[in-house]
Amino acid sequence: SLPSMAHALDAYYLIAPAEASSNLARYDGVRYGLRVDGATTGEMMDATRTAVAVIGTEFEIKYLSPSWERVYGPVDGRSCHRYFERRDAPCAPCRILDAIRGGKPVVLEESFAPDPNRAVQVHIVPFQDEAGSWMAAEFTVDVTDLKRVQNELASRQRELTTLLDNLPAGVFFKDALGRYLLANRNFCEVVDC
């Protein structure tokens, strides 16, 4: 009943990857050569929405990027748990200590405490300074836009699957090596996949 329905799948496969690529390219400035003329390292990190804190084994903040100070204010000698979480005691579990004791990086995703609608990815990397003291660098990257694009892509994938599964014919896609990439329900009923 729709004269252009025969071209819907072709159009979708042309538009969806281009749209996804365009959206992802906007959020990956470093890969595609972010340019900030005369920028310091701190300004570059601000432009990529990355914040850094270096924290010692006694929870002391040894370094804090200016972006954190804009959110939480000056450190004023506060421990990391008092500064970031407004807690009197260390967090349980303390991921900084987990990284230092384990001797390997810890990576996690969580909501950003001041704004629960923002998602961040946290990389905690243990290291020793010149004197041999252990500490950890915590890199926090805002991934809110990335998560939104990933959710949008997942939604488009569900739409495509729904469209394919409701076609009366069997449909499948293979790669250049002949491996099946995707098949709809009708195709799977015929070939038992």
N, C-alpha and C. Protein backbone atom coordinates (compact mmCIF):
# COMPACT_ATOMS: atom_id res chain seq x y z
N SER A 1 0.81 -1.19 0.00
CA SER A 1 0.00 0.00 0.00
C SER A 1 0.86 1.27 0.00
N LEU A 2 2.12 1.15 0.41
CA LEU A 2 3.03 2.29 0.37
C LEU A 2 3.98 2.12 -0.82
N PRO A 3 3.91 3.00 -1.81
CA PRO A 3 4.71 2.79 -3.02
C PRO A 3 6.22 2.82 -2.79
N SER A 4 6.69 3.54 -1.77
CA SER A 4 8.14 3.62 -1.56
C SER A 4 8.64 2.60 -0.53
N MET A 5 7.78 1.73 -0.02
CA MET A 5 8.16 0.75 0.99
C MET A 5 9.27 -0.17 0.50
N ALA A 6 9.32 -0.44 -0.77
CA ALA A 6 10.35 -1.32 -1.32
C ALA A 6 11.74 -0.75 -1.11
N HIS A 7 11.84 0.56 -0.97
CA HIS A 7 13.14 1.21 -0.80
C HIS A 7 13.43 1.59 0.65
N ALA A 8 12.53 1.28 1.58
CA ALA A 8 12.68 1.70 2.97
C ALA A 8 13.94 1.12 3.61
N LEU A 9 14.17 -0.17 3.41
CA LEU A 9 15.33 -0.80 4.02
C LEU A 9 16.62 -0.24 3.44
N ASP A 10 16.67 -0.04 2.12
CA ASP A 10 17.86 0.55 1.50
C ASP A 10 18.12 1.95 2.06
N ALA A 11 17.08 2.74 2.18
CA ALA A 11 17.22 4.10 2.71
C ALA A 11 17.69 4.07 4.15
N TYR A 12 17.12 3.17 4.93
CA TYR A 12 17.51 3.07 6.34
C TYR A 12 19.00 2.76 6.46
N TYR A 13 19.49 1.80 5.67
CA TYR A 13 20.89 1.41 5.75
C TYR A 13 21.83 2.49 5.23
N LEU A 14 21.35 3.41 4.44
CA LEU A 14 22.17 4.55 4.02
C LEU A 14 22.16 5.65 5.08
N ILE A 15 21.01 5.92 5.64
CA ILE A 15 20.87 7.04 6.56
C ILE A 15 21.39 6.73 7.96
N ALA A 16 21.04 5.57 8.52
CA ALA A 16 21.38 5.26 9.91
C ALA A 16 22.89 5.31 10.19
N PRO A 17 23.75 4.65 9.39
CA PRO A 17 25.18 4.73 9.69
C PRO A 17 25.73 6.15 9.53
N ALA A 18 25.24 6.89 8.55
CA ALA A 18 25.71 8.26 8.36
C ALA A 18 25.31 9.12 9.55
N GLU A 19 24.09 8.94 10.02
CA GLU A 19 23.63 9.70 11.18
C GLU A 19 24.45 9.34 12.42
N ALA A 20 24.67 8.07 12.64
CA ALA A 20 25.45 7.63 13.79
C ALA A 20 26.88 8.16 13.71
N SER A 21 27.50 8.05 12.55
CA SER A 21 28.86 8.53 12.37
C SER A 21 28.96 10.02 12.63
N SER A 22 28.00 10.76 12.11
CA SER A 22 27.97 12.21 12.31
C SER A 22 27.85 12.55 13.79
N ASN A 23 26.94 11.87 14.49
CA ASN A 23 26.75 12.14 15.91
C ASN A 23 27.99 11.79 16.72
N LEU A 24 28.60 10.63 16.45
CA LEU A 24 29.78 10.22 17.20
C LEU A 24 30.97 11.14 16.92
N ALA A 25 31.13 11.61 15.71
CA ALA A 25 32.25 12.48 15.36
C ALA A 25 32.21 13.78 16.16
N ARG A 26 31.02 14.25 16.47
CA ARG A 26 30.91 15.50 17.24
C ARG A 26 31.46 15.35 18.65
N TYR A 27 31.43 14.13 19.20
CA TYR A 27 31.81 13.94 20.60
C TYR A 27 33.19 13.36 20.78
N ASP A 28 33.94 13.21 19.74
CA ASP A 28 35.26 12.59 19.84
C ASP A 28 36.30 13.57 19.32
N GLY A 29 36.36 14.75 19.92
CA GLY A 29 37.22 15.82 19.44
C GLY A 29 38.68 15.48 19.39
N VAL A 30 39.19 14.73 20.36
CA VAL A 30 40.61 14.42 20.39
C VAL A 30 41.00 13.56 19.20
N ARG A 31 40.21 12.54 18.90
CA ARG A 31 40.54 11.67 17.78
C ARG A 31 40.61 12.44 16.46
N TYR A 32 39.72 13.38 16.30
CA TYR A 32 39.67 14.10 15.04
C TYR A 32 40.41 15.44 15.09
N GLY A 33 41.30 15.59 16.05
CA GLY A 33 42.19 16.74 16.06
C GLY A 33 41.61 18.00 16.66
N LEU A 34 41.17 17.92 17.91
CA LEU A 34 40.69 19.11 18.60
C LEU A 34 41.77 20.18 18.56
N ARG A 35 41.38 21.38 18.21
CA ARG A 35 42.32 22.50 18.15
C ARG A 35 41.88 23.59 19.10
N VAL A 36 42.73 23.91 20.05
CA VAL A 36 42.50 25.02 20.95
C VAL A 36 43.77 25.85 20.90
N ASP A 37 43.76 26.93 20.14
CA ASP A 37 44.96 27.74 19.94
C ASP A 37 45.52 28.25 21.25
N GLY A 38 46.82 28.05 21.45
CA GLY A 38 47.52 28.54 22.63
C GLY A 38 47.07 27.89 23.92
N ALA A 39 46.46 26.72 23.84
CA ALA A 39 45.89 26.09 25.04
C ALA A 39 46.95 25.42 25.89
N THR A 40 46.76 25.52 27.19
CA THR A 40 47.57 24.75 28.13
C THR A 40 46.97 23.36 28.22
N THR A 41 47.66 22.46 28.90
CA THR A 41 47.12 21.11 29.08
C THR A 41 45.78 21.17 29.80
N GLY A 42 45.69 22.02 30.83
CA GLY A 42 44.44 22.16 31.58
C GLY A 42 43.30 22.66 30.70
N GLU A 43 43.59 23.64 29.83
CA GLU A 43 42.56 24.15 28.93
C GLU A 43 42.14 23.09 27.91
N MET A 44 43.09 22.30 27.46
CA MET A 44 42.77 21.22 26.52
C MET A 44 41.87 20.20 27.20
N MET A 45 42.19 19.86 28.45
CA MET A 45 41.37 18.88 29.17
C MET A 45 39.97 19.44 29.42
N ASP A 46 39.87 20.73 29.72
CA ASP A 46 38.56 21.35 29.89
C ASP A 46 37.75 21.25 28.60
N ALA A 47 38.42 21.47 27.46
CA ALA A 47 37.73 21.42 26.17
C ALA A 47 37.21 20.02 25.87
N THR A 48 37.87 18.99 26.38
CA THR A 48 37.42 17.61 26.16
C THR A 48 36.57 17.10 27.32
N ARG A 49 36.22 17.97 28.23
CA ARG A 49 35.42 17.63 29.41
C ARG A 49 36.04 16.51 30.23
N THR A 50 37.34 16.67 30.50
CA THR A 50 38.08 15.72 31.32
C THR A 50 38.57 16.45 32.57
N ALA A 51 38.38 15.83 33.72
CA ALA A 51 38.88 16.40 34.97
C ALA A 51 39.86 15.42 35.59
N VAL A 52 40.87 15.95 36.28
CA VAL A 52 41.92 15.10 36.86
C VAL A 52 42.12 15.45 38.32
N ALA A 53 42.29 14.41 39.13
CA ALA A 53 42.69 14.58 40.52
C ALA A 53 43.79 13.55 40.79
N VAL A 54 44.82 13.97 41.52
CA VAL A 54 45.86 13.04 41.96
C VAL A 54 45.72 12.95 43.47
N ILE A 55 45.55 11.72 43.96
CA ILE A 55 45.23 11.49 45.36
C ILE A 55 46.20 10.49 45.96
N GLY A 56 46.69 10.80 47.17
CA GLY A 56 47.63 9.93 47.87
C GLY A 56 46.94 8.89 48.71
N THR A 57 47.74 8.00 49.31
CA THR A 57 47.18 6.89 50.10
C THR A 57 46.52 7.35 51.40
N GLU A 58 46.81 8.57 51.84
CA GLU A 58 46.15 9.12 53.02
C GLU A 58 44.96 10.00 52.63
N PHE A 59 44.49 9.83 51.39
CA PHE A 59 43.32 10.53 50.85
C PHE A 59 43.54 12.02 50.62
N GLU A 60 44.82 12.43 50.63
CA GLU A 60 45.13 13.84 50.39
C GLU A 60 45.11 14.13 48.89
N ILE A 61 44.56 15.26 48.53
CA ILE A 61 44.50 15.67 47.13
C ILE A 61 45.80 16.39 46.81
N LYS A 62 46.60 15.77 45.95
CA LYS A 62 47.91 16.32 45.60
C LYS A 62 47.82 17.26 44.40
N TYR A 63 46.89 16.99 43.51
CA TYR A 63 46.66 17.87 42.35
C TYR A 63 45.18 17.80 42.00
N LEU A 64 44.66 18.93 41.55
CA LEU A 64 43.27 19.00 41.13
C LEU A 64 43.18 19.92 39.94
N SER A 65 42.55 19.45 38.87
CA SER A 65 42.41 20.30 37.68
C SER A 65 41.43 21.43 37.98
N PRO A 66 41.62 22.56 37.32
CA PRO A 66 40.74 23.71 37.56
C PRO A 66 39.26 23.40 37.33
N SER A 67 38.95 22.48 36.43
CA SER A 67 37.55 22.15 36.19
C SER A 67 36.88 21.60 37.44
N TRP A 68 37.62 20.82 38.26
CA TRP A 68 37.04 20.32 39.50
C TRP A 68 36.80 21.47 40.48
N GLU A 69 37.75 22.39 40.54
CA GLU A 69 37.58 23.51 41.47
C GLU A 69 36.38 24.38 41.09
N ARG A 70 36.08 24.47 39.81
CA ARG A 70 34.90 25.23 39.41
C ARG A 70 33.62 24.55 39.88
N VAL A 71 33.64 23.23 39.98
CA VAL A 71 32.45 22.49 40.43
C VAL A 71 32.36 22.43 41.95
N TYR A 72 33.48 22.09 42.62
CA TYR A 72 33.47 21.83 44.06
C TYR A 72 34.08 22.94 44.91
N GLY A 73 34.71 23.92 44.28
CA GLY A 73 35.37 24.98 45.03
C GLY A 73 36.80 24.62 45.37
N PRO A 74 37.50 25.50 46.13
CA PRO A 74 38.90 25.22 46.47
C PRO A 74 39.04 24.02 47.40
N VAL A 75 40.17 23.34 47.29
CA VAL A 75 40.41 22.13 48.08
C VAL A 75 40.54 22.46 49.56
N ASP A 76 41.30 23.49 49.88
CA ASP A 76 41.50 23.93 51.28
C ASP A 76 41.93 22.80 52.20
N GLY A 77 42.80 21.91 51.72
CA GLY A 77 43.36 20.84 52.53
C GLY A 77 42.41 19.70 52.86
N ARG A 78 41.22 19.68 52.25
CA ARG A 78 40.27 18.60 52.54
C ARG A 78 40.72 17.29 51.90
N SER A 79 40.33 16.18 52.51
CA SER A 79 40.58 14.86 51.95
C SER A 79 39.66 14.67 50.75
N CYS A 80 39.97 13.67 49.95
CA CYS A 80 39.15 13.43 48.75
C CYS A 80 37.71 13.10 49.12
N HIS A 81 37.50 12.28 50.15
CA HIS A 81 36.12 11.92 50.51
C HIS A 81 35.34 13.11 51.05
N ARG A 82 36.01 14.01 51.75
CA ARG A 82 35.32 15.20 52.25
C ARG A 82 35.07 16.18 51.10
N TYR A 83 36.04 16.30 50.20
CA TYR A 83 35.93 17.26 49.10
C TYR A 83 34.87 16.83 48.08
N PHE A 84 34.97 15.61 47.58
CA PHE A 84 34.08 15.16 46.51
C PHE A 84 32.73 14.65 47.02
N GLU A 85 32.75 13.92 48.11
CA GLU A 85 31.53 13.24 48.59
C GLU A 85 30.92 13.87 49.84
N ARG A 86 31.61 14.84 50.46
CA ARG A 86 31.17 15.49 51.69
C ARG A 86 30.95 14.46 52.81
N ARG A 87 31.89 13.51 52.88
CA ARG A 87 31.82 12.44 53.88
C ARG A 87 32.92 12.66 54.91
N ASP A 88 32.66 12.25 56.14
CA ASP A 88 33.67 12.35 57.20
C ASP A 88 34.66 11.20 57.15
N ALA A 89 34.24 10.08 56.61
CA ALA A 89 35.09 8.89 56.55
C ALA A 89 35.33 8.51 55.09
N PRO A 90 36.40 7.76 54.84
CA PRO A 90 36.67 7.31 53.46
C PRO A 90 35.51 6.50 52.89
N CYS A 91 35.36 6.58 51.59
CA CYS A 91 34.31 5.83 50.91
C CYS A 91 34.57 4.33 51.07
N ALA A 92 33.51 3.57 51.09
CA ALA A 92 33.64 2.11 51.19
C ALA A 92 32.87 1.50 50.02
N PRO A 93 33.50 0.84 49.11
CA PRO A 93 34.96 0.67 49.02
C PRO A 93 35.62 1.91 48.43
N CYS A 94 36.87 2.11 48.79
CA CYS A 94 37.64 3.23 48.24
C CYS A 94 38.32 2.75 46.97
N ARG A 95 37.87 3.27 45.84
CA ARG A 95 38.41 2.83 44.55
C ARG A 95 39.84 3.30 44.33
N ILE A 96 40.20 4.42 44.95
CA ILE A 96 41.58 4.90 44.88
C ILE A 96 42.50 3.86 45.52
N LEU A 97 42.16 3.43 46.74
CA LEU A 97 42.98 2.42 47.42
C LEU A 97 42.93 1.08 46.69
N ASP A 98 41.78 0.74 46.13
CA ASP A 98 41.68 -0.51 45.35
C ASP A 98 42.69 -0.50 44.21
N ALA A 99 42.78 0.63 43.49
CA ALA A 99 43.72 0.73 42.37
C ALA A 99 45.17 0.66 42.86
N ILE A 100 45.47 1.37 43.94
CA ILE A 100 46.84 1.39 44.46
C ILE A 100 47.23 0.01 44.98
N ARG A 101 46.37 -0.60 45.79
CA ARG A 101 46.68 -1.92 46.36
C ARG A 101 46.74 -3.00 45.29
N GLY A 102 45.89 -2.89 44.28
CA GLY A 102 45.88 -3.88 43.20
C GLY A 102 46.98 -3.64 42.18
N GLY A 103 47.56 -2.44 42.19
CA GLY A 103 48.63 -2.12 41.26
C GLY A 103 48.19 -2.07 39.81
N LYS A 104 46.88 -1.86 39.59
CA LYS A 104 46.40 -1.78 38.21
C LYS A 104 45.24 -0.80 38.14
N PRO A 105 45.00 -0.27 36.95
CA PRO A 105 43.93 0.73 36.80
C PRO A 105 42.54 0.15 37.09
N VAL A 106 41.68 1.04 37.54
CA VAL A 106 40.27 0.72 37.77
C VAL A 106 39.47 1.65 36.86
N VAL A 107 38.51 1.09 36.14
CA VAL A 107 37.66 1.89 35.26
C VAL A 107 36.21 1.61 35.62
N LEU A 108 35.43 2.68 35.75
CA LEU A 108 34.03 2.51 36.07
C LEU A 108 33.21 3.64 35.46
N GLU A 109 31.94 3.42 35.38
CA GLU A 109 31.01 4.46 34.93
C GLU A 109 30.02 4.70 36.04
N GLU A 110 29.68 5.97 36.22
CA GLU A 110 28.73 6.33 37.25
C GLU A 110 28.08 7.66 36.91
N SER A 111 27.06 8.02 37.68
CA SER A 111 26.46 9.34 37.46
C SER A 111 27.33 10.37 38.18
N PHE A 112 27.33 11.57 37.67
CA PHE A 112 28.12 12.67 38.20
C PHE A 112 27.39 13.21 39.42
N ALA A 113 28.03 13.17 40.59
CA ALA A 113 27.36 13.51 41.85
C ALA A 113 26.63 14.86 41.83
N PRO A 114 27.25 15.94 41.38
CA PRO A 114 26.51 17.21 41.39
C PRO A 114 25.33 17.24 40.42
N ASP A 115 25.37 16.42 39.38
CA ASP A 115 24.28 16.41 38.39
C ASP A 115 24.02 14.96 37.98
N PRO A 116 23.07 14.29 38.65
CA PRO A 116 22.83 12.86 38.36
C PRO A 116 22.36 12.57 36.94
N ASN A 117 22.03 13.60 36.16
CA ASN A 117 21.64 13.39 34.76
C ASN A 117 22.85 13.28 33.84
N ARG A 118 24.04 13.49 34.37
CA ARG A 118 25.26 13.38 33.58
C ARG A 118 25.96 12.06 33.92
N ALA A 119 26.50 11.42 32.91
CA ALA A 119 27.25 10.17 33.10
C ALA A 119 28.74 10.46 32.93
N VAL A 120 29.55 9.84 33.77
CA VAL A 120 31.00 9.99 33.67
C VAL A 120 31.66 8.63 33.66
N GLN A 121 32.79 8.56 33.00
CA GLN A 121 33.64 7.38 33.03
C GLN A 121 34.87 7.78 33.83
N VAL A 122 35.21 6.98 34.83
CA VAL A 122 36.31 7.29 35.73
C VAL A 122 37.42 6.26 35.53
N HIS A 123 38.63 6.77 35.26
CA HIS A 123 39.82 5.92 35.12
C HIS A 123 40.75 6.27 36.28
N ILE A 124 41.05 5.29 37.12
CA ILE A 124 41.93 5.51 38.26
C ILE A 124 43.20 4.72 38.00
N VAL A 125 44.31 5.45 37.89
CA VAL A 125 45.59 4.84 37.51
C VAL A 125 46.60 5.01 38.64
N PRO A 126 47.03 3.89 39.26
CA PRO A 126 48.02 4.00 40.34
C PRO A 126 49.42 4.25 39.77
N PHE A 127 50.23 4.99 40.54
CA PHE A 127 51.62 5.22 40.14
C PHE A 127 52.43 5.62 41.37
N GLN A 128 53.75 5.60 41.23
CA GLN A 128 54.65 6.04 42.29
C GLN A 128 55.34 7.32 41.85
N ASP A 129 55.51 8.25 42.80
CA ASP A 129 56.24 9.46 42.47
C ASP A 129 57.75 9.20 42.57
N GLU A 130 58.56 10.25 42.39
CA GLU A 130 60.02 10.07 42.40
C GLU A 130 60.53 9.51 43.72
N ALA A 131 59.84 9.81 44.82
CA ALA A 131 60.26 9.33 46.15
C ALA A 131 59.74 7.93 46.45
N GLY A 132 58.97 7.36 45.56
CA GLY A 132 58.45 6.01 45.76
C GLY A 132 57.10 5.96 46.45
N SER A 133 56.50 7.11 46.70
CA SER A 133 55.18 7.14 47.34
C SER A 133 54.10 6.79 46.33
N TRP A 134 53.16 5.95 46.77
CA TRP A 134 52.06 5.58 45.89
C TRP A 134 50.95 6.62 45.92
N MET A 135 50.36 6.81 44.78
CA MET A 135 49.20 7.68 44.63
C MET A 135 48.43 7.21 43.41
N ALA A 136 47.33 7.86 43.14
CA ALA A 136 46.54 7.49 41.97
C ALA A 136 46.06 8.75 41.26
N ALA A 137 46.11 8.69 39.95
CA ALA A 137 45.53 9.76 39.12
C ALA A 137 44.15 9.30 38.72
N GLU A 138 43.17 10.16 38.98
CA GLU A 138 41.80 9.84 38.63
C GLU A 138 41.36 10.77 37.51
N PHE A 139 41.10 10.19 36.34
CA PHE A 139 40.65 10.93 35.17
C PHE A 139 39.15 10.71 35.04
N THR A 140 38.40 11.77 35.05
CA THR A 140 36.95 11.68 34.94
C THR A 140 36.53 12.34 33.63
N VAL A 141 35.88 11.57 32.78
CA VAL A 141 35.47 12.05 31.46
C VAL A 141 33.95 12.05 31.38
N ASP A 142 33.38 13.18 30.97
CA ASP A 142 31.93 13.28 30.80
C ASP A 142 31.55 12.49 29.55
N VAL A 143 30.75 11.44 29.74
CA VAL A 143 30.32 10.61 28.61
C VAL A 143 28.81 10.68 28.41
N THR A 144 28.20 11.75 28.90
CA THR A 144 26.75 11.92 28.79
C THR A 144 26.31 11.87 27.34
N ASP A 145 26.96 12.65 26.48
CA ASP A 145 26.57 12.68 25.07
C ASP A 145 26.82 11.33 24.40
N LEU A 146 27.92 10.70 24.73
CA LEU A 146 28.21 9.37 24.17
C LEU A 146 27.12 8.38 24.56
N LYS A 147 26.72 8.40 25.82
CA LYS A 147 25.66 7.49 26.28
C LYS A 147 24.35 7.78 25.54
N ARG A 148 24.05 9.05 25.32
CA ARG A 148 22.83 9.41 24.61
C ARG A 148 22.88 8.86 23.19
N VAL A 149 24.03 8.99 22.52
CA VAL A 149 24.17 8.49 21.15
C VAL A 149 24.09 6.96 21.14
N GLN A 150 24.73 6.30 22.11
CA GLN A 150 24.66 4.85 22.18
C GLN A 150 23.21 4.38 22.39
N ASN A 151 22.48 5.08 23.24
CA ASN A 151 21.07 4.73 23.46
C ASN A 151 20.25 4.95 22.20
N GLU A 152 20.57 6.02 21.47
CA GLU A 152 19.88 6.30 20.21
C GLU A 152 20.17 5.20 19.19
N LEU A 153 21.43 4.77 19.12
CA LEU A 153 21.78 3.69 18.20
C LEU A 153 21.07 2.39 18.57
N ALA A 154 21.00 2.09 19.86
CA ALA A 154 20.31 0.89 20.31
C ALA A 154 18.82 0.96 19.96
N SER A 155 18.26 2.15 20.09
CA SER A 155 16.85 2.33 19.72
C SER A 155 16.65 2.10 18.23
N ARG A 156 17.56 2.63 17.41
CA ARG A 156 17.46 2.44 15.96
C ARG A 156 17.63 0.96 15.59
N GLN A 157 18.50 0.27 16.33
CA GLN A 157 18.69 -1.16 16.08
C GLN A 157 17.41 -1.93 16.39
N ARG A 158 16.73 -1.56 17.49
CA ARG A 158 15.46 -2.21 17.83
C ARG A 158 14.42 -1.92 16.76
N GLU A 159 14.40 -0.68 16.25
CA GLU A 159 13.46 -0.34 15.18
C GLU A 159 13.73 -1.17 13.93
N LEU A 160 15.00 -1.31 13.58
CA LEU A 160 15.36 -2.11 12.41
C LEU A 160 14.94 -3.56 12.60
N THR A 161 15.22 -4.10 13.78
CA THR A 161 14.85 -5.49 14.05
C THR A 161 13.34 -5.67 13.97
N THR A 162 12.59 -4.73 14.52
CA THR A 162 11.13 -4.79 14.43
C THR A 162 10.67 -4.75 12.99
N LEU A 163 11.26 -3.84 12.21
CA LEU A 163 10.90 -3.73 10.79
C LEU A 163 11.20 -5.04 10.06
N LEU A 164 12.40 -5.57 10.25
CA LEU A 164 12.78 -6.81 9.56
C LEU A 164 11.92 -7.99 9.99
N ASP A 165 11.65 -8.09 11.28
CA ASP A 165 10.87 -9.23 11.77
C ASP A 165 9.42 -9.19 11.31
N ASN A 166 8.95 -8.04 10.88
CA ASN A 166 7.56 -7.93 10.42
C ASN A 166 7.43 -7.97 8.91
N LEU A 167 8.53 -8.16 8.21
CA LEU A 167 8.46 -8.34 6.77
C LEU A 167 7.98 -9.76 6.48
N PRO A 168 7.17 -9.94 5.44
CA PRO A 168 6.65 -11.28 5.14
C PRO A 168 7.70 -12.22 4.55
N ALA A 169 8.82 -11.69 4.12
CA ALA A 169 9.85 -12.52 3.48
C ALA A 169 11.03 -12.71 4.43
N GLY A 170 11.82 -13.74 4.14
CA GLY A 170 13.05 -13.95 4.88
C GLY A 170 14.12 -12.98 4.40
N VAL A 171 14.79 -12.30 5.33
CA VAL A 171 15.82 -11.32 4.98
C VAL A 171 17.06 -11.63 5.80
N PHE A 172 18.21 -11.57 5.15
CA PHE A 172 19.47 -11.76 5.86
C PHE A 172 20.54 -10.87 5.26
N PHE A 173 21.59 -10.63 6.03
CA PHE A 173 22.75 -9.86 5.58
C PHE A 173 23.99 -10.67 5.86
N LYS A 174 24.89 -10.71 4.88
CA LYS A 174 26.16 -11.41 5.04
C LYS A 174 27.29 -10.42 4.83
N ASP A 175 28.45 -10.73 5.43
CA ASP A 175 29.63 -9.91 5.18
C ASP A 175 30.37 -10.44 3.95
N ALA A 176 31.50 -9.85 3.61
CA ALA A 176 32.25 -10.22 2.42
C ALA A 176 32.77 -11.66 2.49
N LEU A 177 32.87 -12.22 3.69
CA LEU A 177 33.35 -13.59 3.86
C LEU A 177 32.20 -14.60 3.90
N GLY A 178 30.98 -14.12 3.71
CA GLY A 178 29.84 -15.02 3.69
C GLY A 178 29.26 -15.35 5.05
N ARG A 179 29.70 -14.65 6.09
CA ARG A 179 29.17 -14.88 7.44
C ARG A 179 27.87 -14.09 7.61
N TYR A 180 26.91 -14.71 8.25
CA TYR A 180 25.64 -14.04 8.51
C TYR A 180 25.84 -12.95 9.56
N LEU A 181 25.39 -11.75 9.26
CA LEU A 181 25.46 -10.64 10.20
C LEU A 181 24.13 -10.40 10.89
N LEU A 182 23.06 -10.60 10.14
CA LEU A 182 21.73 -10.32 10.65
C LEU A 182 20.72 -11.12 9.83
N ALA A 183 19.73 -11.64 10.51
CA ALA A 183 18.65 -12.37 9.82
C ALA A 183 17.36 -12.10 10.55
N ASN A 184 16.28 -11.99 9.79
CA ASN A 184 14.99 -11.76 10.44
C ASN A 184 14.35 -13.09 10.85
N ARG A 185 13.25 -12.97 11.55
CA ARG A 185 12.57 -14.14 12.11
C ARG A 185 12.13 -15.11 11.01
N ASN A 186 11.57 -14.60 9.91
CA ASN A 186 11.10 -15.48 8.83
C ASN A 186 12.25 -16.25 8.23
N PHE A 187 13.39 -15.65 8.05
CA PHE A 187 14.55 -16.36 7.51
C PHE A 187 14.98 -17.46 8.48
N CYS A 188 15.03 -17.14 9.76
CA CYS A 188 15.46 -18.13 10.75
C CYS A 188 14.49 -19.31 10.85
N GLU A 189 13.21 -19.06 10.64
CA GLU A 189 12.25 -20.16 10.65
C GLU A 189 12.50 -21.13 9.50
N VAL A 190 12.96 -20.62 8.38
CA VAL A 190 13.20 -21.45 7.20
C VAL A 190 14.50 -22.23 7.35
N VAL A 191 15.56 -21.58 7.80
CA VAL A 191 16.87 -22.24 7.87
C VAL A 191 17.25 -22.71 9.28
N ASP A 192 16.36 -22.51 10.25
CA ASP A 192 16.58 -22.97 11.63
C ASP A 192 17.84 -22.35 12.24
N CYS A 193 17.88 -21.02 12.32
CA CYS A 193 19.05 -20.35 12.92
C CYS A 193 18.77 -19.85 14.33
